[in-house]
Amino acid sequence: MHFISIVGALAFATGIQGWTKDGQGNWVANNNWWVIRGTNVHESCTRMNDNTVIYRNNEACAYWTDGAGTIKRGRCKLTNQNPSTASCV
């Protein structure tokens, strides 16, 4: 049991854990950007744990903005510029 908790703590401390729950039990993404299949994607506009881009505009998104627990909630906005982006606004 101690081994599992140590691995979990190390994963969280090193930023491996991309999503964590807020006080109400909702999953919230970190404030990270990724390039997935040529699209610049904010982590909150991906499916949790599989890096699938949300390709529908106006889908709900949320991410941590600082270490104090501030959460930005918004909607995913997709652009077809070059490169295309999926951002939480």
PDB file of N, CA and C in Angstrom:
ATOM      1  N   MET A   1       0.806  -1.201   0.000  1.00  0.00           N
ATOM      2  CA  MET A   1       0.000   0.000   0.000  1.00  0.00           C
ATOM      3  C   MET A   1       0.849   1.265   0.000  1.00  0.00           C
ATOM      4  N   HIS A   2       1.929   1.254   0.742  1.00  0.00           N
ATOM      5  CA  HIS A   2       2.777   2.437   0.772  1.00  0.00           C
ATOM      6  C   HIS A   2       3.393   2.709  -0.592  1.00  0.00           C
ATOM      7  N   PHE A   3       3.692   1.640  -1.323  1.00  0.00           N
ATOM      8  CA  PHE A   3       4.289   1.807  -2.642  1.00  0.00           C
ATOM      9  C   PHE A   3       3.348   2.573  -3.571  1.00  0.00           C
ATOM     10  N   ILE A   4       2.074   2.236  -3.558  1.00  0.00           N
ATOM     11  CA  ILE A   4       1.099   2.903  -4.430  1.00  0.00           C
ATOM     12  C   ILE A   4       0.988   4.375  -4.073  1.00  0.00           C
ATOM     13  N   SER A   5       0.926   4.702  -2.785  1.00  0.00           N
ATOM     14  CA  SER A   5       0.794   6.104  -2.398  1.00  0.00           C
ATOM     15  C   SER A   5       2.047   6.899  -2.739  1.00  0.00           C
ATOM     16  N   ILE A   6       3.220   6.272  -2.647  1.00  0.00           N
ATOM     17  CA  ILE A   6       4.459   6.960  -3.011  1.00  0.00           C
ATOM     18  C   ILE A   6       4.489   7.235  -4.508  1.00  0.00           C
ATOM     19  N   VAL A   7       4.107   6.256  -5.309  1.00  0.00           N
ATOM     20  CA  VAL A   7       4.067   6.448  -6.762  1.00  0.00           C
ATOM     21  C   VAL A   7       3.080   7.549  -7.114  1.00  0.00           C
ATOM     22  N   GLY A   8       1.923   7.554  -6.487  1.00  0.00           N
ATOM     23  CA  GLY A   8       0.926   8.592  -6.748  1.00  0.00           C
ATOM     24  C   GLY A   8       1.434   9.971  -6.375  1.00  0.00           C
ATOM     25  N   ALA A   9       2.084  10.073  -5.233  1.00  0.00           N
ATOM     26  CA  ALA A   9       2.628  11.359  -4.799  1.00  0.00           C
ATOM     27  C   ALA A   9       3.710  11.850  -5.751  1.00  0.00           C
ATOM     28  N   LEU A  10       4.574  10.955  -6.192  1.00  0.00           N
ATOM     29  CA  LEU A  10       5.628  11.347  -7.126  1.00  0.00           C
ATOM     30  C   LEU A  10       5.051  11.767  -8.469  1.00  0.00           C
ATOM     31  N   ALA A  11       4.045  11.055  -8.945  1.00  0.00           N
ATOM     32  CA  ALA A  11       3.423  11.404 -10.221  1.00  0.00           C
ATOM     33  C   ALA A  11       2.792  12.786 -10.144  1.00  0.00           C
ATOM     34  N   PHE A  12       2.114  13.081  -9.040  1.00  0.00           N
ATOM     35  CA  PHE A  12       1.479  14.385  -8.889  1.00  0.00           C
ATOM     36  C   PHE A  12       2.531  15.484  -8.792  1.00  0.00           C
ATOM     37  N   ALA A  13       3.591  15.244  -8.029  1.00  0.00           N
ATOM     38  CA  ALA A  13       4.633  16.250  -7.821  1.00  0.00           C
ATOM     39  C   ALA A  13       5.399  16.559  -9.100  1.00  0.00           C
ATOM     40  N   THR A  14       5.520  15.610  -9.996  1.00  0.00           N
ATOM     41  CA  THR A  14       6.283  15.832 -11.226  1.00  0.00           C
ATOM     42  C   THR A  14       5.419  16.312 -12.379  1.00  0.00           C
ATOM     43  N   GLY A  15       4.125  16.494 -12.167  1.00  0.00           N
ATOM     44  CA  GLY A  15       3.257  16.998 -13.216  1.00  0.00           C
ATOM     45  C   GLY A  15       2.742  15.930 -14.155  1.00  0.00           C
ATOM     46  N   ILE A  16       2.953  14.667 -13.847  1.00  0.00           N
ATOM     47  CA  ILE A  16       2.455  13.594 -14.698  1.00  0.00           C
ATOM     48  C   ILE A  16       0.932  13.549 -14.651  1.00  0.00           C
ATOM     49  N   GLN A  17       0.376  13.785 -13.484  1.00  0.00           N
ATOM     50  CA  GLN A  17      -1.072  13.761 -13.324  1.00  0.00           C
ATOM     51  C   GLN A  17      -1.660  14.992 -13.993  1.00  0.00           C
ATOM     52  N   GLY A  18      -2.388  14.830 -15.080  1.00  0.00           N
ATOM     53  CA  GLY A  18      -2.918  15.956 -15.826  1.00  0.00           C
ATOM     54  C   GLY A  18      -4.219  16.509 -15.288  1.00  0.00           C
ATOM     55  N   TRP A  19      -4.967  15.718 -14.573  1.00  0.00           N
ATOM     56  CA  TRP A  19      -6.273  16.135 -14.089  1.00  0.00           C
ATOM     57  C   TRP A  19      -6.380  15.829 -12.601  1.00  0.00           C
ATOM     58  N   THR A  20      -7.046  16.714 -11.851  1.00  0.00           N
ATOM     59  CA  THR A  20      -7.335  16.475 -10.438  1.00  0.00           C
ATOM     60  C   THR A  20      -8.756  16.936 -10.166  1.00  0.00           C
ATOM     61  N   LYS A  21      -9.324  16.465  -9.075  1.00  0.00           N
ATOM     62  CA  LYS A  21     -10.699  16.835  -8.731  1.00  0.00           C
ATOM     63  C   LYS A  21     -10.722  18.102  -7.887  1.00  0.00           C
ATOM     64  N   ASP A  22     -11.753  18.923  -8.129  1.00  0.00           N
ATOM     65  CA  ASP A  22     -11.957  20.092  -7.282  1.00  0.00           C
ATOM     66  C   ASP A  22     -12.735  19.683  -6.039  1.00  0.00           C
ATOM     67  N   GLY A  23     -13.091  20.625  -5.195  1.00  0.00           N
ATOM     68  CA  GLY A  23     -13.784  20.334  -3.945  1.00  0.00           C
ATOM     69  C   GLY A  23     -15.155  19.711  -4.122  1.00  0.00           C
ATOM     70  N   GLN A  24     -15.772  19.878  -5.289  1.00  0.00           N
ATOM     71  CA  GLN A  24     -17.092  19.296  -5.561  1.00  0.00           C
ATOM     72  C   GLN A  24     -16.995  17.968  -6.296  1.00  0.00           C
ATOM     73  N   GLY A  25     -15.780  17.486  -6.527  1.00  0.00           N
ATOM     74  CA  GLY A  25     -15.601  16.202  -7.197  1.00  0.00           C
ATOM     75  C   GLY A  25     -15.564  16.273  -8.713  1.00  0.00           C
ATOM     76  N   ASN A  26     -15.481  17.488  -9.276  1.00  0.00           N
ATOM     77  CA  ASN A  26     -15.393  17.650 -10.732  1.00  0.00           C
ATOM     78  C   ASN A  26     -13.938  17.577 -11.171  1.00  0.00           C
ATOM     79  N   TRP A  27     -13.673  16.943 -12.298  1.00  0.00           N
ATOM     80  CA  TRP A  27     -12.321  16.837 -12.819  1.00  0.00           C
ATOM     81  C   TRP A  27     -11.915  18.144 -13.475  1.00  0.00           C
ATOM     82  N   VAL A  28     -10.706  18.609 -13.145  1.00  0.00           N
ATOM     83  CA  VAL A  28     -10.187  19.881 -13.648  1.00  0.00           C
ATOM     84  C   VAL A  28      -8.797  19.641 -14.241  1.00  0.00           C
ATOM     85  N   ALA A  29      -8.547  20.193 -15.420  1.00  0.00           N
ATOM     86  CA  ALA A  29      -7.260  20.015 -16.108  1.00  0.00           C
ATOM     87  C   ALA A  29      -6.217  20.983 -15.564  1.00  0.00           C
ATOM     88  N   ASN A  30      -4.956  20.696 -15.852  1.00  0.00           N
ATOM     89  CA  ASN A  30      -3.876  21.642 -15.587  1.00  0.00           C
ATOM     90  C   ASN A  30      -3.815  22.652 -16.721  1.00  0.00           C
ATOM     91  N   ASN A  31      -3.105  23.742 -16.511  1.00  0.00           N
ATOM     92  CA  ASN A  31      -2.990  24.806 -17.504  1.00  0.00           C
ATOM     93  C   ASN A  31      -1.819  24.502 -18.437  1.00  0.00           C
ATOM     94  N   ASN A  32      -1.981  23.477 -19.271  1.00  0.00           N
ATOM     95  CA  ASN A  32      -0.934  23.035 -20.196  1.00  0.00           C
ATOM     96  C   ASN A  32      -1.444  23.067 -21.627  1.00  0.00           C
ATOM     97  N   TRP A  33      -0.520  23.281 -22.558  1.00  0.00           N
ATOM     98  CA  TRP A  33      -0.812  23.216 -23.989  1.00  0.00           C
ATOM     99  C   TRP A  33      -0.074  22.043 -24.594  1.00  0.00           C
ATOM    100  N   TRP A  34      -0.705  21.377 -25.553  1.00  0.00           N
ATOM    101  CA  TRP A  34      -0.118  20.234 -26.243  1.00  0.00           C
ATOM    102  C   TRP A  34      -0.336  20.395 -27.737  1.00  0.00           C
ATOM    103  N   VAL A  35       0.494  19.760 -28.529  1.00  0.00           N
ATOM    104  CA  VAL A  35       0.264  19.665 -29.973  1.00  0.00           C
ATOM    105  C   VAL A  35      -0.172  18.232 -30.239  1.00  0.00           C
ATOM    106  N   ILE A  36      -1.421  18.078 -30.679  1.00  0.00           N
ATOM    107  CA  ILE A  36      -1.991  16.758 -30.935  1.00  0.00           C
ATOM    108  C   ILE A  36      -2.436  16.719 -32.392  1.00  0.00           C
ATOM    109  N   ARG A  37      -1.807  15.857 -33.172  1.00  0.00           N
ATOM    110  CA  ARG A  37      -2.103  15.726 -34.601  1.00  0.00           C
ATOM    111  C   ARG A  37      -2.139  17.089 -35.305  1.00  0.00           C
ATOM    112  N   GLY A  38      -1.154  17.936 -34.994  1.00  0.00           N
ATOM    113  CA  GLY A  38      -1.013  19.223 -35.659  1.00  0.00           C
ATOM    114  C   GLY A  38      -1.869  20.344 -35.109  1.00  0.00           C
ATOM    115  N   THR A  39      -2.659  20.098 -34.079  1.00  0.00           N
ATOM    116  CA  THR A  39      -3.512  21.118 -33.480  1.00  0.00           C
ATOM    117  C   THR A  39      -2.960  21.515 -32.118  1.00  0.00           C
ATOM    118  N   ASN A  40      -2.832  22.829 -31.861  1.00  0.00           N
ATOM    119  CA  ASN A  40      -2.457  23.316 -30.531  1.00  0.00           C
ATOM    120  C   ASN A  40      -3.682  23.213 -29.632  1.00  0.00           C
ATOM    121  N   VAL A  41      -3.581  22.407 -28.583  1.00  0.00           N
ATOM    122  CA  VAL A  41      -4.748  22.088 -27.764  1.00  0.00           C
ATOM    123  C   VAL A  41      -4.470  22.394 -26.297  1.00  0.00           C
ATOM    124  N   HIS A  42      -5.380  23.148 -25.676  1.00  0.00           N
ATOM    125  CA  HIS A  42      -5.290  23.329 -24.234  1.00  0.00           C
ATOM    126  C   HIS A  42      -5.755  22.035 -23.580  1.00  0.00           C
ATOM    127  N   GLU A  43      -5.068  21.634 -22.512  1.00  0.00           N
ATOM    128  CA  GLU A  43      -5.374  20.347 -21.882  1.00  0.00           C
ATOM    129  C   GLU A  43      -6.845  20.222 -21.481  1.00  0.00           C
ATOM    130  N   SER A  44      -7.481  21.335 -21.114  1.00  0.00           N
ATOM    131  CA  SER A  44      -8.887  21.280 -20.712  1.00  0.00           C
ATOM    132  C   SER A  44      -9.817  20.972 -21.882  1.00  0.00           C
ATOM    133  N   CYS A  45      -9.312  21.077 -23.102  1.00  0.00           N
ATOM    134  CA  CYS A  45     -10.103  20.750 -24.294  1.00  0.00           C
ATOM    135  C   CYS A  45      -9.705  19.398 -24.871  1.00  0.00           C
ATOM    136  N   THR A  46      -9.261  18.498 -23.992  1.00  0.00           N
ATOM    137  CA  THR A  46      -8.990  17.110 -24.370  1.00  0.00           C
ATOM    138  C   THR A  46      -9.863  16.209 -23.512  1.00  0.00           C
ATOM    139  N   ARG A  47     -10.016  14.982 -23.934  1.00  0.00           N
ATOM    140  CA  ARG A  47     -10.676  13.982 -23.097  1.00  0.00           C
ATOM    141  C   ARG A  47      -9.671  13.530 -22.049  1.00  0.00           C
ATOM    142  N   MET A  48     -10.106  13.441 -20.828  1.00  0.00           N
ATOM    143  CA  MET A  48      -9.215  13.073 -19.737  1.00  0.00           C
ATOM    144  C   MET A  48      -8.566  11.718 -19.982  1.00  0.00           C
ATOM    145  N   ASN A  49      -7.263  11.674 -19.832  1.00  0.00           N
ATOM    146  CA  ASN A  49      -6.432  10.466 -19.868  1.00  0.00           C
ATOM    147  C   ASN A  49      -6.280   9.817 -21.234  1.00  0.00           C
ATOM    148  N   ASP A  50      -6.746  10.437 -22.319  1.00  0.00           N
ATOM    149  CA  ASP A  50      -6.479   9.810 -23.615  1.00  0.00           C
ATOM    150  C   ASP A  50      -6.027  10.794 -24.697  1.00  0.00           C
ATOM    151  N   ASN A  51      -5.896  12.077 -24.361  1.00  0.00           N
ATOM    152  CA  ASN A  51      -5.409  13.094 -25.299  1.00  0.00           C
ATOM    153  C   ASN A  51      -6.228  13.199 -26.571  1.00  0.00           C
ATOM    154  N   THR A  52      -7.505  12.867 -26.506  1.00  0.00           N
ATOM    155  CA  THR A  52      -8.392  13.065 -27.642  1.00  0.00           C
ATOM    156  C   THR A  52      -8.882  14.506 -27.614  1.00  0.00           C
ATOM    157  N   VAL A  53      -8.724  15.217 -28.707  1.00  0.00           N
ATOM    158  CA  VAL A  53      -9.146  16.610 -28.785  1.00  0.00           C
ATOM    159  C   VAL A  53     -10.664  16.681 -28.839  1.00  0.00           C
ATOM    160  N   ILE A  54     -11.241  17.635 -28.110  1.00  0.00           N
ATOM    161  CA  ILE A  54     -12.677  17.893 -28.197  1.00  0.00           C
ATOM    162  C   ILE A  54     -12.901  18.714 -29.464  1.00  0.00           C
ATOM    163  N   TYR A  55     -13.595  18.168 -30.420  1.00  0.00           N
ATOM    164  CA  TYR A  55     -13.778  18.832 -31.705  1.00  0.00           C
ATOM    165  C   TYR A  55     -15.116  19.556 -31.830  1.00  0.00           C
ATOM    166  N   ARG A  56     -15.831  19.727 -30.748  1.00  0.00           N
ATOM    167  CA  ARG A  56     -17.098  20.459 -30.793  1.00  0.00           C
ATOM    168  C   ARG A  56     -16.921  21.789 -30.069  1.00  0.00           C
ATOM    169  N   ASN A  57     -17.294  22.881 -30.703  1.00  0.00           N
ATOM    170  CA  ASN A  57     -17.277  24.183 -30.053  1.00  0.00           C
ATOM    171  C   ASN A  57     -18.245  24.201 -28.885  1.00  0.00           C
ATOM    172  N   ASN A  58     -17.941  25.008 -27.908  1.00  0.00           N
ATOM    173  CA  ASN A  58     -18.803  25.285 -26.758  1.00  0.00           C
ATOM    174  C   ASN A  58     -18.938  24.140 -25.773  1.00  0.00           C
ATOM    175  N   GLU A  59     -18.095  23.121 -25.847  1.00  0.00           N
ATOM    176  CA  GLU A  59     -18.116  22.090 -24.817  1.00  0.00           C
ATOM    177  C   GLU A  59     -17.454  22.659 -23.562  1.00  0.00           C
ATOM    178  N   ALA A  60     -18.005  22.339 -22.397  1.00  0.00           N
ATOM    179  CA  ALA A  60     -17.493  22.876 -21.135  1.00  0.00           C
ATOM    180  C   ALA A  60     -16.048  22.454 -20.893  1.00  0.00           C
ATOM    181  N   CYS A  61     -15.267  23.366 -20.290  1.00  0.00           N
ATOM    182  CA  CYS A  61     -13.875  23.079 -19.942  1.00  0.00           C
ATOM    183  C   CYS A  61     -13.538  23.809 -18.641  1.00  0.00           C
ATOM    184  N   ALA A  62     -12.529  23.314 -17.951  1.00  0.00           N
ATOM    185  CA  ALA A  62     -12.074  23.950 -16.710  1.00  0.00           C
ATOM    186  C   ALA A  62     -10.620  23.586 -16.478  1.00  0.00           C
ATOM    187  N   TYR A  63      -9.848  24.554 -15.944  1.00  0.00           N
ATOM    188  CA  TYR A  63      -8.445  24.278 -15.635  1.00  0.00           C
ATOM    189  C   TYR A  63      -7.984  25.129 -14.453  1.00  0.00           C
ATOM    190  N   TRP A  64      -6.969  24.613 -13.754  1.00  0.00           N
ATOM    191  CA  TRP A  64      -6.359  25.319 -12.626  1.00  0.00           C
ATOM    192  C   TRP A  64      -5.500  26.447 -13.184  1.00  0.00           C
ATOM    193  N   THR A  65      -5.614  27.656 -12.627  1.00  0.00           N
ATOM    194  CA  THR A  65      -4.819  28.781 -13.128  1.00  0.00           C
ATOM    195  C   THR A  65      -3.622  29.101 -12.247  1.00  0.00           C
ATOM    196  N   ASP A  66      -3.623  28.625 -10.994  1.00  0.00           N
ATOM    197  CA  ASP A  66      -2.512  28.913 -10.090  1.00  0.00           C
ATOM    198  C   ASP A  66      -2.451  27.868  -8.989  1.00  0.00           C
ATOM    199  N   GLY A  67      -1.476  28.001  -8.115  1.00  0.00           N
ATOM    200  CA  GLY A  67      -1.305  27.058  -7.018  1.00  0.00           C
ATOM    201  C   GLY A  67      -2.237  27.306  -5.849  1.00  0.00           C
ATOM    202  N   ALA A  68      -3.046  28.362  -5.924  1.00  0.00           N
ATOM    203  CA  ALA A  68      -3.968  28.697  -4.841  1.00  0.00           C
ATOM    204  C   ALA A  68      -5.340  28.063  -5.035  1.00  0.00           C
ATOM    205  N   GLY A  69      -5.524  27.307  -6.096  1.00  0.00           N
ATOM    206  CA  GLY A  69      -6.789  26.624  -6.328  1.00  0.00           C
ATOM    207  C   GLY A  69      -7.788  27.390  -7.171  1.00  0.00           C
ATOM    208  N   THR A  70      -7.351  28.443  -7.855  1.00  0.00           N
ATOM    209  CA  THR A  70      -8.244  29.204  -8.724  1.00  0.00           C
ATOM    210  C   THR A  70      -8.525  28.401  -9.990  1.00  0.00           C
ATOM    211  N   ILE A  71      -9.802  28.297 -10.337  1.00  0.00           N
ATOM    212  CA  ILE A  71     -10.215  27.518 -11.505  1.00  0.00           C
ATOM    213  C   ILE A  71     -10.843  28.444 -12.538  1.00  0.00           C
ATOM    214  N   LYS A  72     -10.393  28.336 -13.775  1.00  0.00           N
ATOM    215  CA  LYS A  72     -11.014  29.039 -14.902  1.00  0.00           C
ATOM    216  C   LYS A  72     -11.981  28.071 -15.556  1.00  0.00           C
ATOM    217  N   ARG A  73     -13.233  28.455 -15.627  1.00  0.00           N
ATOM    218  CA  ARG A  73     -14.245  27.636 -16.292  1.00  0.00           C
ATOM    219  C   ARG A  73     -14.687  28.358 -17.558  1.00  0.00           C
ATOM    220  N   GLY A  74     -14.871  27.614 -18.607  1.00  0.00           N
ATOM    221  CA  GLY A  74     -15.273  28.224 -19.864  1.00  0.00           C
ATOM    222  C   GLY A  74     -15.813  27.196 -20.833  1.00  0.00           C
ATOM    223  N   ARG A  75     -15.661  27.518 -22.107  1.00  0.00           N
ATOM    224  CA  ARG A  75     -16.109  26.648 -23.194  1.00  0.00           C
ATOM    225  C   ARG A  75     -14.980  26.514 -24.198  1.00  0.00           C
ATOM    226  N   CYS A  76     -14.827  25.340 -24.772  1.00  0.00           N
ATOM    227  CA  CYS A  76     -13.787  25.124 -25.769  1.00  0.00           C
ATOM    228  C   CYS A  76     -14.137  25.883 -27.043  1.00  0.00           C
ATOM    229  N   LYS A  77     -13.148  26.585 -27.560  1.00  0.00           N
ATOM    230  CA  LYS A  77     -13.316  27.311 -28.814  1.00  0.00           C
ATOM    231  C   LYS A  77     -12.301  26.762 -29.802  1.00  0.00           C
ATOM    232  N   LEU A  78     -12.782  26.394 -30.976  1.00  0.00           N
ATOM    233  CA  LEU A  78     -11.925  25.838 -32.015  1.00  0.00           C
ATOM    234  C   LEU A  78     -11.703  26.871 -33.107  1.00  0.00           C
ATOM    235  N   THR A  79     -10.472  26.960 -33.590  1.00  0.00           N
ATOM    236  CA  THR A  79     -10.180  27.828 -34.728  1.00  0.00           C
ATOM    237  C   THR A  79      -9.530  26.991 -35.819  1.00  0.00           C
ATOM    238  N   ASN A  80      -9.735  27.395 -37.042  1.00  0.00           N
ATOM    239  CA  ASN A  80      -9.153  26.677 -38.176  1.00  0.00           C
ATOM    240  C   ASN A  80      -7.970  27.423 -38.767  1.00  0.00           C
ATOM    241  N   GLN A  81      -7.368  28.322 -37.983  1.00  0.00           N
ATOM    242  CA  GLN A  81      -6.181  29.026 -38.452  1.00  0.00           C
ATOM    243  C   GLN A  81      -5.041  28.034 -38.577  1.00  0.00           C
ATOM    244  N   ASN A  82      -3.950  28.492 -39.163  1.00  0.00           N
ATOM    245  CA  ASN A  82      -2.800  27.603 -39.310  1.00  0.00           C
ATOM    246  C   ASN A  82      -1.724  28.029 -38.324  1.00  0.00           C
ATOM    247  N   PRO A  83      -1.428  27.291 -37.271  1.00  0.00           N
ATOM    248  CA  PRO A  83      -2.031  26.001 -36.933  1.00  0.00           C
ATOM    249  C   PRO A  83      -3.379  26.191 -36.244  1.00  0.00           C
ATOM    250  N   SER A  84      -4.227  25.187 -36.316  1.00  0.00           N
ATOM    251  CA  SER A  84      -5.524  25.252 -35.648  1.00  0.00           C
ATOM    252  C   SER A  84      -5.324  25.123 -34.144  1.00  0.00           C
ATOM    253  N   THR A  85      -6.278  25.658 -33.384  1.00  0.00           N
ATOM    254  CA  THR A  85      -6.189  25.616 -31.925  1.00  0.00           C
ATOM    255  C   THR A  85      -7.517  25.196 -31.324  1.00  0.00           C
ATOM    256  N   ALA A  86      -7.433  24.639 -30.130  1.00  0.00           N
ATOM    257  CA  ALA A  86      -8.605  24.346 -29.302  1.00  0.00           C
ATOM    258  C   ALA A  86      -8.279  24.925 -27.934  1.00  0.00           C
ATOM    259  N   SER A  87      -8.969  26.009 -27.557  1.00  0.00           N
ATOM    260  CA  SER A  87      -8.656  26.688 -26.305  1.00  0.00           C
ATOM    261  C   SER A  87      -9.895  26.842 -25.443  1.00  0.00           C
ATOM    262  N   CYS A  88      -9.677  26.975 -24.144  1.00  0.00           N
ATOM    263  CA  CYS A  88     -10.759  27.145 -23.172  1.00  0.00           C
ATOM    264  C   CYS A  88     -10.931  28.636 -22.915  1.00  0.00           C
ATOM    265  N   VAL A  89     -12.045  29.187 -23.366  1.00  0.00           N
ATOM    266  CA  VAL A  89     -12.292  30.627 -23.203  1.00  0.00           C
ATOM    267  C   VAL A  89     -13.600  30.881 -22.494  1.00  0.00           C
TER     268      VAL A  89
END
